[in-house]
């Protein structure tokens, strides 16, 4: 599962970022968004050690990989997932 995670977040998702007009480009950004979405909060509230993918429960990492597959298949909205991740982290500014 770790190998799949790393290929998905380091190669596949970044490789499609430009053509799909995604707001993210870097592996660590995809990892943040997918792990946060799988956790339903900031991943570090549920995963105590780093690297997170290595210490995540199997089911949680599997869900994050599944979400990445949904992004690739066009069944998930990366912009919405990113906004939610940033909101959980208090880094999303409200629109004026």
PDB file of N, CA and C in Angstrom:
ATOM      1  N   UNK A   1       0.833  -1.188   0.000  1.00  0.00           N
ATOM      2  CA  UNK A   1       0.000   0.000   0.000  1.00  0.00           C
ATOM      3  C   UNK A   1       0.880   1.255   0.000  1.00  0.00           C
ATOM      4  N   UNK A   2       1.973   1.213   0.757  1.00  0.00           N
ATOM      5  CA  UNK A   2       2.869   2.378   0.777  1.00  0.00           C
ATOM      6  C   UNK A   2       3.446   2.670  -0.598  1.00  0.00           C
ATOM      7  N   UNK A   3       3.826   1.635  -1.303  1.00  0.00           N
ATOM      8  CA  UNK A   3       4.373   1.820  -2.653  1.00  0.00           C
ATOM      9  C   UNK A   3       3.337   2.467  -3.576  1.00  0.00           C
ATOM     10  N   UNK A   4       2.103   1.996  -3.478  1.00  0.00           N
ATOM     11  CA  UNK A   4       1.015   2.580  -4.282  1.00  0.00           C
ATOM     12  C   UNK A   4       0.807   4.042  -3.918  1.00  0.00           C
ATOM     13  N   UNK A   5       0.804   4.349  -2.627  1.00  0.00           N
ATOM     14  CA  UNK A   5       0.644   5.716  -2.129  1.00  0.00           C
ATOM     15  C   UNK A   5       1.720   6.637  -2.692  1.00  0.00           C
ATOM     16  N   UNK A   6       2.944   6.217  -2.608  1.00  0.00           N
ATOM     17  CA  UNK A   6       4.052   7.056  -3.065  1.00  0.00           C
ATOM     18  C   UNK A   6       3.988   7.280  -4.577  1.00  0.00           C
ATOM     19  N   UNK A   7       3.670   6.252  -5.340  1.00  0.00           N
ATOM     20  CA  UNK A   7       3.579   6.431  -6.787  1.00  0.00           C
ATOM     21  C   UNK A   7       2.411   7.349  -7.135  1.00  0.00           C
ATOM     22  N   UNK A   8       1.291   7.156  -6.473  1.00  0.00           N
ATOM     23  CA  UNK A   8       0.113   7.984  -6.702  1.00  0.00           C
ATOM     24  C   UNK A   8       0.399   9.450  -6.417  1.00  0.00           C
ATOM     25  N   UNK A   9       1.003   9.733  -5.261  1.00  0.00           N
ATOM     26  CA  UNK A   9       1.182  11.129  -4.843  1.00  0.00           C
ATOM     27  C   UNK A   9       2.440  11.788  -5.395  1.00  0.00           C
ATOM     28  N   UNK A  10       3.410  10.997  -5.787  1.00  0.00           N
ATOM     29  CA  UNK A  10       4.656  11.576  -6.318  1.00  0.00           C
ATOM     30  C   UNK A  10       4.699  11.617  -7.843  1.00  0.00           C
ATOM     31  N   UNK A  11       3.956  10.726  -8.487  1.00  0.00           N
ATOM     32  CA  UNK A  11       4.030  10.610  -9.945  1.00  0.00           C
ATOM     33  C   UNK A  11       2.685  10.887 -10.605  1.00  0.00           C
ATOM     34  N   UNK A  12       1.689  10.067 -10.282  1.00  0.00           N
ATOM     35  CA  UNK A  12       0.422  10.132 -11.016  1.00  0.00           C
ATOM     36  C   UNK A  12      -0.314  11.458 -10.836  1.00  0.00           C
ATOM     37  N   UNK A  13      -0.595  11.833  -9.610  1.00  0.00           N
ATOM     38  CA  UNK A  13      -1.365  13.064  -9.392  1.00  0.00           C
ATOM     39  C   UNK A  13      -0.608  14.308  -9.868  1.00  0.00           C
ATOM     40  N   UNK A  14       0.663  14.489  -9.488  1.00  0.00           N
ATOM     41  CA  UNK A  14       1.380  15.658 -10.017  1.00  0.00           C
ATOM     42  C   UNK A  14       1.474  15.647 -11.544  1.00  0.00           C
ATOM     43  N   UNK A  15       1.533  14.471 -12.137  1.00  0.00           N
ATOM     44  CA  UNK A  15       1.622  14.357 -13.585  1.00  0.00           C
ATOM     45  C   UNK A  15       0.378  14.826 -14.318  1.00  0.00           C
ATOM     46  N   UNK A  16      -0.737  14.880 -13.632  1.00  0.00           N
ATOM     47  CA  UNK A  16      -1.993  15.323 -14.237  1.00  0.00           C
ATOM     48  C   UNK A  16      -2.380  16.741 -13.824  1.00  0.00           C
ATOM     49  N   UNK A  17      -1.622  17.350 -12.943  1.00  0.00           N
ATOM     50  CA  UNK A  17      -2.007  18.643 -12.367  1.00  0.00           C
ATOM     51  C   UNK A  17      -2.189  19.734 -13.417  1.00  0.00           C
ATOM     52  N   UNK A  18      -1.249  19.897 -14.303  1.00  0.00           N
ATOM     53  CA  UNK A  18      -1.337  20.978 -15.299  1.00  0.00           C
ATOM     54  C   UNK A  18      -2.511  20.775 -16.255  1.00  0.00           C
ATOM     55  N   UNK A  19      -2.612  19.573 -16.812  1.00  0.00           N
ATOM     56  CA  UNK A  19      -3.671  19.324 -17.807  1.00  0.00           C
ATOM     57  C   UNK A  19      -5.071  19.447 -17.219  1.00  0.00           C
ATOM     58  N   UNK A  20      -5.204  19.202 -15.926  1.00  0.00           N
ATOM     59  CA  UNK A  20      -6.523  19.280 -15.294  1.00  0.00           C
ATOM     60  C   UNK A  20      -6.776  20.615 -14.603  1.00  0.00           C
ATOM     61  N   UNK A  21      -5.777  21.472 -14.599  1.00  0.00           N
ATOM     62  CA  UNK A  21      -5.932  22.775 -13.967  1.00  0.00           C
ATOM     63  C   UNK A  21      -6.095  22.692 -12.455  1.00  0.00           C
ATOM     64  N   UNK A  22      -5.472  21.696 -11.852  1.00  0.00           N
ATOM     65  CA  UNK A  22      -5.581  21.517 -10.405  1.00  0.00           C
ATOM     66  C   UNK A  22      -4.822  22.608  -9.663  1.00  0.00           C
ATOM     67  N   UNK A  23      -5.296  22.982  -8.478  1.00  0.00           N
ATOM     68  CA  UNK A  23      -4.636  24.025  -7.701  1.00  0.00           C
ATOM     69  C   UNK A  23      -3.360  23.547  -6.999  1.00  0.00           C
ATOM     70  N   UNK A  24      -3.080  22.261  -7.049  1.00  0.00           N
ATOM     71  CA  UNK A  24      -1.900  21.690  -6.386  1.00  0.00           C
ATOM     72  C   UNK A  24      -0.972  21.091  -7.427  1.00  0.00           C
ATOM     73  N   UNK A  25       0.317  21.091  -7.106  1.00  0.00           N
ATOM     74  CA  UNK A  25       1.312  20.534  -8.027  1.00  0.00           C
ATOM     75  C   UNK A  25       2.280  19.560  -7.345  1.00  0.00           C
ATOM     76  N   UNK A  26       2.488  19.743  -6.061  1.00  0.00           N
ATOM     77  CA  UNK A  26       3.566  19.029  -5.363  1.00  0.00           C
ATOM     78  C   UNK A  26       3.048  17.832  -4.567  1.00  0.00           C
ATOM     79  N   UNK A  27       3.901  16.810  -4.470  1.00  0.00           N
ATOM     80  CA  UNK A  27       3.516  15.571  -3.797  1.00  0.00           C
ATOM     81  C   UNK A  27       3.025  15.797  -2.375  1.00  0.00           C
ATOM     82  N   UNK A  28       3.728  16.623  -1.607  1.00  0.00           N
ATOM     83  CA  UNK A  28       3.346  16.814  -0.211  1.00  0.00           C
ATOM     84  C   UNK A  28       1.980  17.490  -0.084  1.00  0.00           C
ATOM     85  N   UNK A  29       1.590  18.282  -1.061  1.00  0.00           N
ATOM     86  CA  UNK A  29       0.268  18.918  -1.045  1.00  0.00           C
ATOM     87  C   UNK A  29      -0.823  17.877  -1.297  1.00  0.00           C
ATOM     88  N   UNK A  30      -0.609  17.002  -2.282  1.00  0.00           N
ATOM     89  CA  UNK A  30      -1.566  15.929  -2.525  1.00  0.00           C
ATOM     90  C   UNK A  30      -1.660  15.029  -1.289  1.00  0.00           C
ATOM     91  N   UNK A  31      -0.532  14.744  -0.668  1.00  0.00           N
ATOM     92  CA  UNK A  31      -0.530  13.893   0.517  1.00  0.00           C
ATOM     93  C   UNK A  31      -1.325  14.540   1.652  1.00  0.00           C
ATOM     94  N   UNK A  32      -1.135  15.817   1.878  1.00  0.00           N
ATOM     95  CA  UNK A  32      -1.870  16.537   2.925  1.00  0.00           C
ATOM     96  C   UNK A  32      -3.366  16.439   2.683  1.00  0.00           C
ATOM     97  N   UNK A  33      -3.791  16.784   1.482  1.00  0.00           N
ATOM     98  CA  UNK A  33      -5.217  16.812   1.165  1.00  0.00           C
ATOM     99  C   UNK A  33      -5.842  15.426   1.295  1.00  0.00           C
ATOM    100  N   UNK A  34      -5.213  14.422   0.743  1.00  0.00           N
ATOM    101  CA  UNK A  34      -5.781  13.078   0.778  1.00  0.00           C
ATOM    102  C   UNK A  34      -5.802  12.498   2.189  1.00  0.00           C
ATOM    103  N   UNK A  35      -4.740  12.700   2.939  1.00  0.00           N
ATOM    104  CA  UNK A  35      -4.730  12.190   4.316  1.00  0.00           C
ATOM    105  C   UNK A  35      -5.733  12.938   5.187  1.00  0.00           C
ATOM    106  N   UNK A  36      -5.820  14.248   5.028  1.00  0.00           N
ATOM    107  CA  UNK A  36      -6.813  15.006   5.794  1.00  0.00           C
ATOM    108  C   UNK A  36      -8.215  14.523   5.475  1.00  0.00           C
ATOM    109  N   UNK A  37      -8.516  14.334   4.196  1.00  0.00           N
ATOM    110  CA  UNK A  37      -9.850  13.880   3.796  1.00  0.00           C
ATOM    111  C   UNK A  37     -10.139  12.491   4.360  1.00  0.00           C
ATOM    112  N   UNK A  38      -9.165  11.613   4.332  1.00  0.00           N
ATOM    113  CA  UNK A  38      -9.351  10.265   4.862  1.00  0.00           C
ATOM    114  C   UNK A  38      -9.559  10.277   6.372  1.00  0.00           C
ATOM    115  N   UNK A  39      -8.891  11.208   7.046  1.00  0.00           N
ATOM    116  CA  UNK A  39      -9.007  11.321   8.508  1.00  0.00           C
ATOM    117  C   UNK A  39     -10.249  12.091   8.938  1.00  0.00           C
ATOM    118  N   UNK A  40     -10.721  12.995   8.089  1.00  0.00           N
ATOM    119  CA  UNK A  40     -11.830  13.865   8.460  1.00  0.00           C
ATOM    120  C   UNK A  40     -11.394  15.001   9.360  1.00  0.00           C
ATOM    121  N   UNK A  41     -10.106  15.283   9.353  1.00  0.00           N
ATOM    122  CA  UNK A  41      -9.504  16.352  10.147  1.00  0.00           C
ATOM    123  C   UNK A  41      -8.051  16.470   9.693  1.00  0.00           C
ATOM    124  N   UNK A  42      -7.272  17.317  10.336  1.00  0.00           N
ATOM    125  CA  UNK A  42      -5.836  17.374  10.034  1.00  0.00           C
ATOM    126  C   UNK A  42      -5.235  16.008  10.353  1.00  0.00           C
ATOM    127  N   UNK A  43      -4.515  15.461   9.429  1.00  0.00           N
ATOM    128  CA  UNK A  43      -4.010  14.096   9.613  1.00  0.00           C
ATOM    129  C   UNK A  43      -3.193  13.954  10.888  1.00  0.00           C
ATOM    130  N   UNK A  44      -2.503  14.981  11.320  1.00  0.00           N
ATOM    131  CA  UNK A  44      -1.653  14.838  12.503  1.00  0.00           C
ATOM    132  C   UNK A  44      -2.461  14.760  13.796  1.00  0.00           C
ATOM    133  N   UNK A  45      -3.784  14.946  13.724  1.00  0.00           N
ATOM    134  CA  UNK A  45      -4.637  14.715  14.883  1.00  0.00           C
ATOM    135  C   UNK A  45      -4.936  13.229  15.049  1.00  0.00           C
ATOM    136  N   UNK A  46      -4.710  12.430  14.021  1.00  0.00           N
ATOM    137  CA  UNK A  46      -4.991  10.996  14.055  1.00  0.00           C
ATOM    138  C   UNK A  46      -3.743  10.129  13.876  1.00  0.00           C
ATOM    139  N   UNK A  47      -2.712  10.698  13.274  1.00  0.00           N
ATOM    140  CA  UNK A  47      -1.482   9.938  13.011  1.00  0.00           C
ATOM    141  C   UNK A  47      -0.364  10.631  13.774  1.00  0.00           C
ATOM    142  N   UNK A  48       0.181   9.949  14.743  1.00  0.00           N
ATOM    143  CA  UNK A  48       1.123  10.594  15.653  1.00  0.00           C
ATOM    144  C   UNK A  48       2.544  10.728  15.128  1.00  0.00           C
ATOM    145  N   UNK A  49       2.976   9.820  14.283  1.00  0.00           N
ATOM    146  CA  UNK A  49       4.374   9.835  13.859  1.00  0.00           C
ATOM    147  C   UNK A  49       4.504  10.127  12.388  1.00  0.00           C
ATOM    148  N   UNK A  50       5.683  10.521  11.986  1.00  0.00           N
ATOM    149  CA  UNK A  50       5.988  10.817  10.588  1.00  0.00           C
ATOM    150  C   UNK A  50       7.045   9.853  10.089  1.00  0.00           C
ATOM    151  N   UNK A  51       7.034   9.543   8.829  1.00  0.00           N
ATOM    152  CA  UNK A  51       6.098  10.012   7.818  1.00  0.00           C
ATOM    153  C   UNK A  51       4.718   9.413   8.040  1.00  0.00           C
ATOM    154  N   UNK A  52       3.703  10.216   7.787  1.00  0.00           N
ATOM    155  CA  UNK A  52       2.323   9.832   8.087  1.00  0.00           C
ATOM    156  C   UNK A  52       1.919   8.555   7.363  1.00  0.00           C
ATOM    157  N   UNK A  53       2.273   8.420   6.094  1.00  0.00           N
ATOM    158  CA  UNK A  53       1.843   7.245   5.334  1.00  0.00           C
ATOM    159  C   UNK A  53       2.380   5.958   5.937  1.00  0.00           C
ATOM    160  N   UNK A  54       3.531   6.005   6.546  1.00  0.00           N
ATOM    161  CA  UNK A  54       4.134   4.809   7.133  1.00  0.00           C
ATOM    162  C   UNK A  54       3.481   4.440   8.459  1.00  0.00           C
ATOM    163  N   UNK A  55       2.908   5.425   9.146  1.00  0.00           N
ATOM    164  CA  UNK A  55       2.341   5.193  10.471  1.00  0.00           C
ATOM    165  C   UNK A  55       0.818   5.243  10.495  1.00  0.00           C
ATOM    166  N   UNK A  56       0.219   5.478   9.362  1.00  0.00           N
ATOM    167  CA  UNK A  56      -1.243   5.506   9.278  1.00  0.00           C
ATOM    168  C   UNK A  56      -1.797   4.090   9.403  1.00  0.00           C
ATOM    169  N   UNK A  57      -2.946   3.952  10.047  1.00  0.00           N
ATOM    170  CA  UNK A  57      -3.603   2.636  10.042  1.00  0.00           C
ATOM    171  C   UNK A  57      -3.881   2.208   8.599  1.00  0.00           C
ATOM    172  N   UNK A  58      -3.843   0.915   8.350  1.00  0.00           N
ATOM    173  CA  UNK A  58      -4.024   0.395   6.994  1.00  0.00           C
ATOM    174  C   UNK A  58      -5.297   0.904   6.339  1.00  0.00           C
ATOM    175  N   UNK A  59      -6.396   0.902   7.065  1.00  0.00           N
ATOM    176  CA  UNK A  59      -7.676   1.331   6.496  1.00  0.00           C
ATOM    177  C   UNK A  59      -7.659   2.808   6.120  1.00  0.00           C
ATOM    178  N   UNK A  60      -6.989   3.612   6.904  1.00  0.00           N
ATOM    179  CA  UNK A  60      -6.915   5.046   6.623  1.00  0.00           C
ATOM    180  C   UNK A  60      -6.083   5.299   5.365  1.00  0.00           C
ATOM    181  N   UNK A  61      -4.943   4.638   5.258  1.00  0.00           N
ATOM    182  CA  UNK A  61      -4.117   4.814   4.066  1.00  0.00           C
ATOM    183  C   UNK A  61      -4.842   4.281   2.833  1.00  0.00           C
ATOM    184  N   UNK A  62      -5.553   3.190   2.982  1.00  0.00           N
ATOM    185  CA  UNK A  62      -6.323   2.647   1.861  1.00  0.00           C
ATOM    186  C   UNK A  62      -7.387   3.646   1.422  1.00  0.00           C
ATOM    187  N   UNK A  63      -8.038   4.309   2.358  1.00  0.00           N
ATOM    188  CA  UNK A  63      -9.042   5.315   2.005  1.00  0.00           C
ATOM    189  C   UNK A  63      -8.391   6.490   1.289  1.00  0.00           C
ATOM    190  N   UNK A  64      -7.224   6.926   1.744  1.00  0.00           N
ATOM    191  CA  UNK A  64      -6.523   8.028   1.090  1.00  0.00           C
ATOM    192  C   UNK A  64      -6.139   7.650  -0.342  1.00  0.00           C
ATOM    193  N   UNK A  65      -5.685   6.435  -0.550  1.00  0.00           N
ATOM    194  CA  UNK A  65      -5.346   5.952  -1.897  1.00  0.00           C
ATOM    195  C   UNK A  65      -6.607   5.893  -2.751  1.00  0.00           C
ATOM    196  N   UNK A  66      -7.702   5.429  -2.165  1.00  0.00           N
ATOM    197  CA  UNK A  66      -8.977   5.375  -2.885  1.00  0.00           C
ATOM    198  C   UNK A  66      -9.400   6.779  -3.329  1.00  0.00           C
ATOM    199  N   UNK A  67      -9.267   7.760  -2.455  1.00  0.00           N
ATOM    200  CA  UNK A  67      -9.597   9.142  -2.812  1.00  0.00           C
ATOM    201  C   UNK A  67      -8.721   9.644  -3.953  1.00  0.00           C
ATOM    202  N   UNK A  68      -7.439   9.290  -3.926  1.00  0.00           N
ATOM    203  CA  UNK A  68      -6.551   9.666  -5.020  1.00  0.00           C
ATOM    204  C   UNK A  68      -7.012   9.072  -6.334  1.00  0.00           C
ATOM    205  N   UNK A  69      -7.472   7.831  -6.295  1.00  0.00           N
ATOM    206  CA  UNK A  69      -8.020   7.201  -7.487  1.00  0.00           C
ATOM    207  C   UNK A  69      -9.280   7.900  -7.970  1.00  0.00           C
ATOM    208  N   UNK A  70     -10.096   8.367  -7.039  1.00  0.00           N
ATOM    209  CA  UNK A  70     -11.299   9.110  -7.401  1.00  0.00           C
ATOM    210  C   UNK A  70     -10.939  10.433  -8.079  1.00  0.00           C
ATOM    211  N   UNK A  71      -9.871  11.060  -7.619  1.00  0.00           N
ATOM    212  CA  UNK A  71      -9.398  12.285  -8.284  1.00  0.00           C
ATOM    213  C   UNK A  71      -9.003  11.982  -9.723  1.00  0.00           C
ATOM    214  N   UNK A  72      -8.222  10.939  -9.909  1.00  0.00           N
ATOM    215  CA  UNK A  72      -7.770  10.580 -11.256  1.00  0.00           C
ATOM    216  C   UNK A  72      -8.936  10.229 -12.169  1.00  0.00           C
ATOM    217  N   UNK A  73      -9.966   9.613 -11.603  1.00  0.00           N
ATOM    218  CA  UNK A  73     -11.127   9.204 -12.394  1.00  0.00           C
ATOM    219  C   UNK A  73     -12.123  10.341 -12.609  1.00  0.00           C
ATOM    220  N   UNK A  74     -11.865  11.497 -11.997  1.00  0.00           N
ATOM    221  CA  UNK A  74     -12.766  12.636 -12.150  1.00  0.00           C
ATOM    222  C   UNK A  74     -14.010  12.561 -11.287  1.00  0.00           C
ATOM    223  N   UNK A  75     -13.982  11.717 -10.267  1.00  0.00           N
ATOM    224  CA  UNK A  75     -15.138  11.560  -9.384  1.00  0.00           C
ATOM    225  C   UNK A  75     -14.992  12.313  -8.068  1.00  0.00           C
ATOM    226  N   UNK A  76     -13.901  13.034  -7.886  1.00  0.00           N
ATOM    227  CA  UNK A  76     -13.685  13.830  -6.677  1.00  0.00           C
ATOM    228  C   UNK A  76     -13.178  15.199  -7.097  1.00  0.00           C
ATOM    229  N   UNK A  77     -13.460  16.183  -6.282  1.00  0.00           N
ATOM    230  CA  UNK A  77     -13.121  17.577  -6.565  1.00  0.00           C
ATOM    231  C   UNK A  77     -11.916  17.998  -5.726  1.00  0.00           C
ATOM    232  N   UNK A  78     -10.755  18.095  -6.361  1.00  0.00           N
ATOM    233  CA  UNK A  78      -9.545  18.438  -5.636  1.00  0.00           C
ATOM    234  C   UNK A  78      -9.634  19.824  -5.011  1.00  0.00           C
ATOM    235  N   UNK A  79     -10.227  20.773  -5.695  1.00  0.00           N
ATOM    236  CA  UNK A  79     -10.339  22.127  -5.130  1.00  0.00           C
ATOM    237  C   UNK A  79     -11.149  22.109  -3.839  1.00  0.00           C
ATOM    238  N   UNK A  80     -12.237  21.368  -3.824  1.00  0.00           N
ATOM    239  CA  UNK A  80     -13.069  21.282  -2.621  1.00  0.00           C
ATOM    240  C   UNK A  80     -12.327  20.571  -1.492  1.00  0.00           C
ATOM    241  N   UNK A  81     -11.643  19.491  -1.823  1.00  0.00           N
ATOM    242  CA  UNK A  81     -10.871  18.779  -0.800  1.00  0.00           C
ATOM    243  C   UNK A  81      -9.759  19.660  -0.238  1.00  0.00           C
ATOM    244  N   UNK A  82      -9.105  20.426  -1.102  1.00  0.00           N
ATOM    245  CA  UNK A  82      -8.042  21.317  -0.648  1.00  0.00           C
ATOM    246  C   UNK A  82      -8.608  22.414   0.252  1.00  0.00           C
ATOM    247  N   UNK A  83      -9.742  23.003  -0.133  1.00  0.00           N
ATOM    248  CA  UNK A  83     -10.358  24.040   0.709  1.00  0.00           C
ATOM    249  C   UNK A  83     -10.703  23.491   2.087  1.00  0.00           C
ATOM    250  N   UNK A  84     -11.252  22.280   2.123  1.00  0.00           N
ATOM    251  CA  UNK A  84     -11.603  21.686   3.412  1.00  0.00           C
ATOM    252  C   UNK A  84     -10.357  21.435   4.253  1.00  0.00           C
ATOM    253  N   UNK A  85      -9.304  20.937   3.628  1.00  0.00           N
ATOM    254  CA  UNK A  85      -8.047  20.696   4.334  1.00  0.00           C
ATOM    255  C   UNK A  85      -7.504  21.995   4.923  1.00  0.00           C
ATOM    256  N   UNK A  86      -7.513  23.037   4.128  1.00  0.00           N
ATOM    257  CA  UNK A  86      -7.015  24.330   4.606  1.00  0.00           C
ATOM    258  C   UNK A  86      -7.903  24.891   5.718  1.00  0.00           C
ATOM    259  N   UNK A  87      -9.200  24.687   5.625  1.00  0.00           N
ATOM    260  CA  UNK A  87     -10.120  25.159   6.665  1.00  0.00           C
ATOM    261  C   UNK A  87      -9.837  24.439   7.982  1.00  0.00           C
ATOM    262  N   UNK A  88      -9.622  23.125   7.933  1.00  0.00           N
ATOM    263  CA  UNK A  88      -9.295  22.379   9.142  1.00  0.00           C
ATOM    264  C   UNK A  88      -8.015  22.908   9.783  1.00  0.00           C
ATOM    265  N   UNK A  89      -7.142  23.440   8.979  1.00  0.00           N
ATOM    266  CA  UNK A  89      -5.860  23.940   9.476  1.00  0.00           C
ATOM    267  C   UNK A  89      -5.903  25.420   9.807  1.00  0.00           C
ATOM    268  N   UNK A  90      -7.060  26.050   9.624  1.00  0.00           N
ATOM    269  CA  UNK A  90      -7.195  27.479   9.906  1.00  0.00           C
ATOM    270  C   UNK A  90      -6.446  28.351   8.933  1.00  0.00           C
ATOM    271  N   UNK A  91      -6.220  27.840   7.727  1.00  0.00           N
ATOM    272  CA  UNK A  91      -5.428  28.587   6.740  1.00  0.00           C
ATOM    273  C   UNK A  91      -6.250  29.042   5.548  1.00  0.00           C
ATOM    274  N   UNK A  92      -7.571  28.970   5.672  1.00  0.00           N
ATOM    275  CA  UNK A  92      -8.433  29.394   4.592  1.00  0.00           C
ATOM    276  C   UNK A  92      -9.041  30.739   4.986  1.00  0.00           C
ATOM    277  N   UNK A  93      -8.753  31.741   4.181  1.00  0.00           N
ATOM    278  CA  UNK A  93      -9.307  33.075   4.439  1.00  0.00           C
ATOM    279  C   UNK A  93     -10.725  33.132   3.929  1.00  0.00           C
ATOM    280  N   UNK A  94     -11.580  33.774   4.683  1.00  0.00           N
ATOM    281  CA  UNK A  94     -12.950  33.927   4.215  1.00  0.00           C
ATOM    282  C   UNK A  94     -12.999  34.986   3.130  1.00  0.00           C
ATOM    283  N   UNK A  95     -13.956  34.843   2.222  1.00  0.00           N
ATOM    284  CA  UNK A  95     -14.128  35.821   1.139  1.00  0.00           C
ATOM    285  C   UNK A  95     -14.776  37.067   1.712  1.00  0.00           C
ATOM    286  N   UNK A  96     -14.289  38.223   1.296  1.00  0.00           N
ATOM    287  CA  UNK A  96     -14.850  39.485   1.790  1.00  0.00           C
ATOM    288  C   UNK A  96     -15.920  39.984   0.874  1.00  0.00           C
TER     289      UNK A  96
END
